[in-house]
PDB file of N, CA and C in Angstrom:
ATOM      1  N   MET A   1     139.411   9.964 -47.753  1.00  0.00           N
ATOM      2  CA  MET A   1     138.643   9.295 -46.735  1.00  0.00           C
ATOM      3  C   MET A   1     139.116   7.854 -46.576  1.00  0.00           C
ATOM      4  N   ALA A   2     139.168   7.391 -45.347  1.00  0.00           N
ATOM      5  CA  ALA A   2     139.555   6.005 -45.068  1.00  0.00           C
ATOM      6  C   ALA A   2     138.371   5.087 -45.325  1.00  0.00           C
ATOM      7  N   LYS A   3     138.682   3.833 -45.569  1.00  0.00           N
ATOM      8  CA  LYS A   3     137.624   2.858 -45.824  1.00  0.00           C
ATOM      9  C   LYS A   3     137.824   1.648 -44.929  1.00  0.00           C
ATOM     10  N   GLY A   4     136.727   1.020 -44.569  1.00  0.00           N
ATOM     11  CA  GLY A   4     136.748  -0.217 -43.806  1.00  0.00           C
ATOM     12  C   GLY A   4     135.755  -1.179 -44.437  1.00  0.00           C
ATOM     13  N   ILE A   5     135.871  -2.441 -44.093  1.00  0.00           N
ATOM     14  CA  ILE A   5     134.981  -3.460 -44.629  1.00  0.00           C
ATOM     15  C   ILE A   5     134.075  -3.958 -43.511  1.00  0.00           C
ATOM     16  N   CYS A   6     132.776  -3.986 -43.763  1.00  0.00           N
ATOM     17  CA  CYS A   6     131.815  -4.494 -42.790  1.00  0.00           C
ATOM     18  C   CYS A   6     132.052  -6.001 -42.633  1.00  0.00           C
ATOM     19  N   PRO A   7     132.288  -6.487 -41.400  1.00  0.00           N
ATOM     20  CA  PRO A   7     132.522  -7.906 -41.197  1.00  0.00           C
ATOM     21  C   PRO A   7     131.254  -8.750 -41.336  1.00  0.00           C
ATOM     22  N   VAL A   8     130.101  -8.110 -41.378  1.00  0.00           N
ATOM     23  CA  VAL A   8     128.833  -8.836 -41.484  1.00  0.00           C
ATOM     24  C   VAL A   8     128.462  -9.094 -42.938  1.00  0.00           C
ATOM     25  N   CYS A   9     128.494  -8.039 -43.768  1.00  0.00           N
ATOM     26  CA  CYS A   9     128.029  -8.188 -45.153  1.00  0.00           C
ATOM     27  C   CYS A   9     129.119  -7.954 -46.202  1.00  0.00           C
ATOM     28  N   GLY A  10     130.313  -7.518 -45.783  1.00  0.00           N
ATOM     29  CA  GLY A  10     131.402  -7.302 -46.722  1.00  0.00           C
ATOM     30  C   GLY A  10     131.367  -5.971 -47.451  1.00  0.00           C
ATOM     31  N   ASN A  11     130.433  -5.099 -47.106  1.00  0.00           N
ATOM     32  CA  ASN A  11     130.309  -3.789 -47.741  1.00  0.00           C
ATOM     33  C   ASN A  11     131.507  -2.905 -47.375  1.00  0.00           C
ATOM     34  N   GLU A  12     132.006  -2.149 -48.356  1.00  0.00           N
ATOM     35  CA  GLU A  12     133.074  -1.186 -48.104  1.00  0.00           C
ATOM     36  C   GLU A  12     132.436   0.089 -47.554  1.00  0.00           C
ATOM     37  N   ILE A  13     132.936   0.562 -46.419  1.00  0.00           N
ATOM     38  CA  ILE A  13     132.363   1.721 -45.742  1.00  0.00           C
ATOM     39  C   ILE A  13     133.397   2.839 -45.717  1.00  0.00           C
ATOM     40  N   GLU A  14     133.016   4.014 -46.191  1.00  0.00           N
ATOM     41  CA  GLU A  14     133.900   5.177 -46.132  1.00  0.00           C
ATOM     42  C   GLU A  14     133.771   5.812 -44.757  1.00  0.00           C
ATOM     43  N   LEU A  15     134.930   6.107 -44.148  1.00  0.00           N
ATOM     44  CA  LEU A  15     134.959   6.698 -42.810  1.00  0.00           C
ATOM     45  C   LEU A  15     135.603   8.074 -42.870  1.00  0.00           C
ATOM     46  N   SER A  16     134.955   9.041 -42.271  1.00  0.00           N
ATOM     47  CA  SER A  16     135.521  10.385 -42.205  1.00  0.00           C
ATOM     48  C   SER A  16     136.682  10.374 -41.209  1.00  0.00           C
ATOM     49  N   PRO A  17     137.531  11.389 -41.223  1.00  0.00           N
ATOM     50  CA  PRO A  17     138.626  11.442 -40.247  1.00  0.00           C
ATOM     51  C   PRO A  17     138.119  11.365 -38.809  1.00  0.00           C
ATOM     52  N   ARG A  18     136.986  11.926 -38.551  1.00  0.00           N
ATOM     53  CA  ARG A  18     136.405  11.899 -37.200  1.00  0.00           C
ATOM     54  C   ARG A  18     136.003  10.472 -36.795  1.00  0.00           C
ATOM     55  N   GLU A  19     135.593   9.672 -37.774  1.00  0.00           N
ATOM     56  CA  GLU A  19     135.162   8.297 -37.501  1.00  0.00           C
ATOM     57  C   GLU A  19     136.330   7.316 -37.398  1.00  0.00           C
ATOM     58  N   ARG A  20     137.543   7.753 -37.707  1.00  0.00           N
ATOM     59  CA  ARG A  20     138.710   6.869 -37.693  1.00  0.00           C
ATOM     60  C   ARG A  20     139.333   6.708 -36.327  1.00  0.00           C
ATOM     61  N   LEU A  21     138.759   7.272 -35.309  1.00  0.00           N
ATOM     62  CA  LEU A  21     139.316   7.145 -33.962  1.00  0.00           C
ATOM     63  C   LEU A  21     138.988   5.766 -33.397  1.00  0.00           C
ATOM     64  N   PRO A  22     139.906   5.170 -32.626  1.00  0.00           N
ATOM     65  CA  PRO A  22     139.632   3.853 -32.039  1.00  0.00           C
ATOM     66  C   PRO A  22     138.352   3.858 -31.204  1.00  0.00           C
ATOM     67  N   TYR A  23     137.604   2.789 -31.325  1.00  0.00           N
ATOM     68  CA  TYR A  23     136.353   2.541 -30.593  1.00  0.00           C
ATOM     69  C   TYR A  23     135.196   3.454 -30.997  1.00  0.00           C
ATOM     70  N   THR A  24     135.363   4.176 -32.105  1.00  0.00           N
ATOM     71  CA  THR A  24     134.258   4.966 -32.640  1.00  0.00           C
ATOM     72  C   THR A  24     133.249   4.007 -33.247  1.00  0.00           C
ATOM     73  N   ARG A  25     131.978   4.239 -32.995  1.00  0.00           N
ATOM     74  CA  ARG A  25     130.928   3.374 -33.532  1.00  0.00           C
ATOM     75  C   ARG A  25     130.357   3.966 -34.811  1.00  0.00           C
ATOM     76  N   VAL A  26     130.167   3.079 -35.778  1.00  0.00           N
ATOM     77  CA  VAL A  26     129.577   3.447 -37.063  1.00  0.00           C
ATOM     78  C   VAL A  26     128.533   2.398 -37.425  1.00  0.00           C
ATOM     79  N   THR A  27     127.648   2.757 -38.343  1.00  0.00           N
ATOM     80  CA  THR A  27     126.620   1.830 -38.802  1.00  0.00           C
ATOM     81  C   THR A  27     126.842   1.535 -40.272  1.00  0.00           C
ATOM     82  N   CYS A  28     126.783   0.271 -40.631  1.00  0.00           N
ATOM     83  CA  CYS A  28     126.922  -0.119 -42.028  1.00  0.00           C
ATOM     84  C   CYS A  28     125.664   0.326 -42.764  1.00  0.00           C
ATOM     85  N   PRO A  29     125.809   1.097 -43.848  1.00  0.00           N
ATOM     86  CA  PRO A  29     124.628   1.563 -44.571  1.00  0.00           C
ATOM     87  C   PRO A  29     123.883   0.449 -45.313  1.00  0.00           C
ATOM     88  N   ARG A  30     124.541  -0.678 -45.568  1.00  0.00           N
ATOM     89  CA  ARG A  30     123.890  -1.771 -46.292  1.00  0.00           C
ATOM     90  C   ARG A  30     123.092  -2.687 -45.353  1.00  0.00           C
ATOM     91  N   CYS A  31     123.725  -3.213 -44.290  1.00  0.00           N
ATOM     92  CA  CYS A  31     123.047  -4.194 -43.430  1.00  0.00           C
ATOM     93  C   CYS A  31     122.633  -3.624 -42.082  1.00  0.00           C
ATOM     94  N   LEU A  32     123.002  -2.365 -41.812  1.00  0.00           N
ATOM     95  CA  LEU A  32     122.654  -1.646 -40.584  1.00  0.00           C
ATOM     96  C   LEU A  32     123.271  -2.237 -39.319  1.00  0.00           C
ATOM     97  N   ALA A  33     124.332  -3.032 -39.473  1.00  0.00           N
ATOM     98  CA  ALA A  33     125.032  -3.562 -38.302  1.00  0.00           C
ATOM     99  C   ALA A  33     125.754  -2.421 -37.596  1.00  0.00           C
ATOM    100  N   GLU A  34     125.749  -2.449 -36.276  1.00  0.00           N
ATOM    101  CA  GLU A  34     126.494  -1.465 -35.501  1.00  0.00           C
ATOM    102  C   GLU A  34     127.917  -1.988 -35.368  1.00  0.00           C
ATOM    103  N   LEU A  35     128.891  -1.162 -35.784  1.00  0.00           N
ATOM    104  CA  LEU A  35     130.284  -1.569 -35.840  1.00  0.00           C
ATOM    105  C   LEU A  35     131.143  -0.635 -35.009  1.00  0.00           C
ATOM    106  N   GLU A  36     132.366  -1.073 -34.729  1.00  0.00           N
ATOM    107  CA  GLU A  36     133.290  -0.296 -33.921  1.00  0.00           C
ATOM    108  C   GLU A  36     134.665  -0.352 -34.575  1.00  0.00           C
ATOM    109  N   VAL A  37     135.341   0.780 -34.646  1.00  0.00           N
ATOM    110  CA  VAL A  37     136.698   0.831 -35.195  1.00  0.00           C
ATOM    111  C   VAL A  37     137.640   0.205 -34.167  1.00  0.00           C
ATOM    112  N   VAL A  38     138.404  -0.807 -34.595  1.00  0.00           N
ATOM    113  CA  VAL A  38     139.321  -1.468 -33.669  1.00  0.00           C
ATOM    114  C   VAL A  38     140.785  -1.293 -34.058  1.00  0.00           C
ATOM    115  N   GLU A  39     141.059  -0.849 -35.268  1.00  0.00           N
ATOM    116  CA  GLU A  39     142.415  -0.528 -35.712  1.00  0.00           C
ATOM    117  C   GLU A  39     142.353   0.716 -36.580  1.00  0.00           C
ATOM    118  N   ILE A  40     143.407   1.525 -36.523  1.00  0.00           N
ATOM    119  CA  ILE A  40     143.385   2.734 -37.353  1.00  0.00           C
ATOM    120  C   ILE A  40     144.421   2.722 -38.468  1.00  0.00           C
ATOM    121  N   ASP A  41     145.514   1.968 -38.328  1.00  0.00           N
ATOM    122  CA  ASP A  41     146.505   1.918 -39.406  1.00  0.00           C
ATOM    123  C   ASP A  41     145.886   1.280 -40.637  1.00  0.00           C
ATOM    124  N   LEU A  42     145.276   0.147 -40.455  1.00  0.00           N
ATOM    125  CA  LEU A  42     144.488  -0.515 -41.479  1.00  0.00           C
ATOM    126  C   LEU A  42     143.108  -0.582 -40.829  1.00  0.00           C
ATOM    127  N   VAL A  43     142.201   0.255 -41.253  1.00  0.00           N
ATOM    128  CA  VAL A  43     140.908   0.347 -40.582  1.00  0.00           C
ATOM    129  C   VAL A  43     140.247  -1.023 -40.566  1.00  0.00           C
ATOM    130  N   ARG A  44     139.945  -1.500 -39.366  1.00  0.00           N
ATOM    131  CA  ARG A  44     139.279  -2.783 -39.181  1.00  0.00           C
ATOM    132  C   ARG A  44     138.074  -2.565 -38.280  1.00  0.00           C
ATOM    133  N   LEU A  45     136.946  -3.139 -38.665  1.00  0.00           N
ATOM    134  CA  LEU A  45     135.714  -2.972 -37.916  1.00  0.00           C
ATOM    135  C   LEU A  45     135.270  -4.299 -37.331  1.00  0.00           C
ATOM    136  N   ARG A  46     134.558  -4.239 -36.216  1.00  0.00           N
ATOM    137  CA  ARG A  46     133.944  -5.435 -35.657  1.00  0.00           C
ATOM    138  C   ARG A  46     132.515  -5.113 -35.279  1.00  0.00           C
ATOM    139  N   ARG A  47     131.684  -6.148 -35.261  1.00  0.00           N
ATOM    140  CA  ARG A  47     130.282  -5.951 -34.910  1.00  0.00           C
ATOM    141  C   ARG A  47     130.170  -5.765 -33.407  1.00  0.00           C
ATOM    142  N   VAL A  48     129.292  -4.852 -32.996  1.00  0.00           N
ATOM    143  CA  VAL A  48     129.042  -4.596 -31.584  1.00  0.00           C
ATOM    144  C   VAL A  48     127.822  -5.403 -31.178  1.00  0.00           C
ATOM    145  N   ALA A  49     127.932  -6.118 -30.075  1.00  0.00           N
ATOM    146  CA  ALA A  49     126.798  -6.891 -29.577  1.00  0.00           C
ATOM    147  C   ALA A  49     125.681  -5.938 -29.166  1.00  0.00           C
ATOM    148  N   PRO A  50     124.420  -6.299 -29.398  1.00  0.00           N
ATOM    149  CA  PRO A  50     123.300  -5.408 -29.083  1.00  0.00           C
ATOM    150  C   PRO A  50     123.313  -4.882 -27.657  1.00  0.00           C
ATOM    151  N   GLU A  51     123.681  -5.703 -26.672  1.00  0.00           N
ATOM    152  CA  GLU A  51     123.691  -5.228 -25.300  1.00  0.00           C
ATOM    153  C   GLU A  51     124.780  -4.200 -25.039  1.00  0.00           C
ATOM    154  N   GLU A  52     125.855  -4.186 -25.845  1.00  0.00           N
ATOM    155  CA  GLU A  52     126.902  -3.182 -25.680  1.00  0.00           C
ATOM    156  C   GLU A  52     126.425  -1.805 -26.148  1.00  0.00           C
ATOM    157  N   GLY A  53     125.557  -1.768 -27.155  1.00  0.00           N
ATOM    158  CA  GLY A  53     125.103  -0.499 -27.719  1.00  0.00           C
ATOM    159  C   GLY A  53     123.819   0.009 -27.086  1.00  0.00           C
ATOM    160  N   ALA A  54     123.223  -0.761 -26.187  1.00  0.00           N
ATOM    161  CA  ALA A  54     121.954  -0.355 -25.585  1.00  0.00           C
ATOM    162  C   ALA A  54     122.169   0.815 -24.648  1.00  0.00           C
ATOM    163  N   GLU A  55     121.283   1.769 -24.740  1.00  0.00           N
ATOM    164  CA  GLU A  55     121.349   2.928 -23.858  1.00  0.00           C
ATOM    165  C   GLU A  55     120.787   2.545 -22.497  1.00  0.00           C
ATOM    166  N   LYS A  56     121.464   3.011 -21.465  1.00  0.00           N
ATOM    167  CA  LYS A  56     121.001   2.732 -20.106  1.00  0.00           C
ATOM    168  C   LYS A  56     120.214   3.924 -19.587  1.00  0.00           C
ATOM    169  N   PRO A  57     119.157   3.678 -18.818  1.00  0.00           N
ATOM    170  CA  PRO A  57     118.340   4.797 -18.290  1.00  0.00           C
ATOM    171  C   PRO A  57     119.092   5.629 -17.295  1.00  0.00           C
TER     172      PRO A  57
END
């Protein structure tokens, strides 16, 4: 399994092969930040702004 580091709290997050796709959203289990995969060679995550993750009616 691939791993990434949460940019908010520094927690190491294990990512399944399905979660390693670019722009896949994951949640940090420690701080609950919504994150997005931005690189796949060296898995890098970034925090998603709340308005980006909001569901539209």
